[in-house]
Amino acid sequence: MDKVRAALAALLLGVLLSFTAPVVAAAPAAVAVTTQAPASAVLVGQQTPAPGPVIDPADNERANQRKTKNKVVVGVIAAILLVIVVWGRSIRRKRRKKSSDQAKGK
């Protein structure tokens, strides 16, 4: 009975951990370095490049949904495999006990 409790506790822990949100570390603030250029060096038609890639919030949300779905699928598969293992061990234990009882003549 203790093994069953331990297996159920491990199963519950696995399920709880699979549903937790990933921790996102805050990125340090970017340090801007500015230099003074002479006025004659600046061109009239010059544009500054974009600071970095633009991430669409809809794409980010879809990626988070896919990741969550994958975690749920993996959690369900792990739970099913755990149930199969526990069930198989209980069957083996019953067969072993039955065969040892037959050997003793009970």
Protein backbone atom coordinates (compact mmCIF):
# COMPACT_ATOMS: atom_id res chain seq x y z
CA MET A 1 0.00 0.00 0.00
CA ASP A 2 2.94 2.32 0.65
CA LYS A 3 4.18 1.84 -2.90
CA VAL A 4 0.79 2.78 -4.28
CA ARG A 5 0.72 5.93 -2.16
CA ALA A 6 4.23 6.84 -3.28
CA ALA A 7 3.30 6.24 -6.92
CA LEU A 8 0.17 8.37 -6.60
CA ALA A 9 2.14 11.13 -4.89
CA ALA A 10 4.69 11.08 -7.73
CA LEU A 11 1.88 11.17 -10.28
CA LEU A 12 0.24 14.16 -8.63
CA LEU A 13 3.57 15.97 -8.38
CA GLY A 14 4.22 15.35 -12.07
CA VAL A 15 0.79 16.64 -13.04
CA LEU A 16 1.16 19.75 -10.89
CA LEU A 17 4.61 20.50 -12.31
CA SER A 18 3.42 20.05 -15.89
CA PHE A 19 0.75 22.72 -15.44
CA THR A 20 2.98 25.35 -13.87
CA ALA A 21 3.90 28.36 -15.97
CA PRO A 22 7.55 28.68 -16.96
CA VAL A 23 9.48 31.31 -15.08
CA VAL A 24 10.66 34.11 -17.33
CA ALA A 25 13.75 35.93 -16.17
CA ALA A 26 13.68 39.68 -16.61
CA ALA A 27 16.19 40.87 -19.15
CA PRO A 28 18.56 43.59 -17.95
CA ALA A 29 17.88 47.03 -19.36
CA ALA A 30 19.87 47.82 -22.48
CA VAL A 31 22.58 50.37 -22.01
CA ALA A 32 22.53 52.98 -24.74
CA VAL A 33 25.87 54.38 -25.81
CA THR A 34 25.64 57.68 -27.60
CA THR A 35 28.40 59.48 -29.36
CA GLN A 36 28.43 63.03 -30.58
CA ALA A 37 28.91 63.23 -34.33
CA PRO A 38 29.73 66.48 -36.06
CA ALA A 39 26.76 68.09 -37.78
CA SER A 40 28.41 67.74 -41.18
CA ALA A 41 28.59 63.93 -40.82
CA VAL A 42 24.81 63.45 -40.52
CA LEU A 43 23.12 62.89 -43.86
CA VAL A 44 19.68 64.31 -44.51
CA GLY A 45 18.06 61.07 -45.82
CA GLN A 46 19.67 58.75 -43.28
CA GLN A 47 17.30 56.68 -41.15
CA THR A 48 18.19 54.73 -38.06
CA PRO A 49 17.65 50.97 -38.28
CA ALA A 50 14.99 49.25 -36.18
CA PRO A 51 16.27 48.36 -32.69
CA GLY A 52 15.50 44.65 -33.11
CA PRO A 53 12.98 42.13 -34.32
CA VAL A 54 9.32 42.91 -33.79
CA ILE A 55 7.45 40.05 -32.17
CA ASP A 56 3.77 39.80 -32.88
CA PRO A 57 1.82 39.16 -29.65
CA ALA A 58 -0.50 36.77 -31.51
CA ASP A 59 2.47 34.62 -32.56
CA ASN A 60 3.75 34.63 -28.98
CA GLU A 61 0.33 33.57 -27.68
CA ARG A 62 0.11 30.74 -30.24
CA ALA A 63 3.56 29.52 -29.26
CA ASN A 64 2.58 29.52 -25.58
CA GLN A 65 -0.60 27.57 -26.40
CA ARG A 66 1.37 24.95 -28.34
CA LYS A 67 3.86 24.61 -25.51
CA THR A 68 1.07 24.19 -22.96
CA LYS A 69 -0.66 21.62 -25.17
CA ASN A 70 2.58 19.66 -25.51
CA LYS A 71 3.05 19.67 -21.73
CA VAL A 72 -0.48 18.36 -21.20
CA VAL A 73 0.00 15.60 -23.77
CA VAL A 74 3.30 14.51 -22.21
CA GLY A 75 1.75 14.60 -18.73
CA VAL A 76 -1.17 12.42 -19.80
CA ILE A 77 1.14 9.92 -21.49
CA ALA A 78 3.34 9.78 -18.39
CA ALA A 79 0.29 9.20 -16.19
CA ILE A 80 -0.95 6.39 -18.44
CA LEU A 81 2.46 4.71 -18.42
CA LEU A 82 2.63 4.99 -14.63
CA VAL A 83 -0.79 3.34 -14.29
CA ILE A 84 0.30 0.52 -16.62
CA VAL A 85 3.48 -0.07 -14.58
CA VAL A 86 1.64 -0.08 -11.24
CA TRP A 87 -1.08 -2.36 -12.59
CA GLY A 88 1.49 -4.77 -14.06
CA ARG A 89 3.39 -4.96 -10.79
CA SER A 90 0.21 -5.74 -8.86
CA ILE A 91 -0.61 -8.54 -11.31
CA ARG A 92 2.93 -9.95 -11.01
CA ARG A 93 2.71 -9.81 -7.20
CA LYS A 94 -0.60 -11.71 -7.23
CA ARG A 95 0.79 -14.37 -9.59
CA ARG A 96 3.94 -14.72 -7.49
CA LYS A 97 1.90 -15.14 -4.31
CA LYS A 98 -0.41 -17.65 -5.98
CA SER A 99 2.51 -19.74 -7.26
CA SER A 100 4.27 -19.66 -3.88
CA ASP A 101 1.02 -20.73 -2.15
CA GLN A 102 0.66 -23.63 -4.61
CA ALA A 103 4.24 -24.68 -3.98
CA LYS A 104 3.55 -24.78 -0.23
CA GLY A 105 0.47 -26.91 -0.80
CA LYS A 106 -2.20 -24.43 0.25
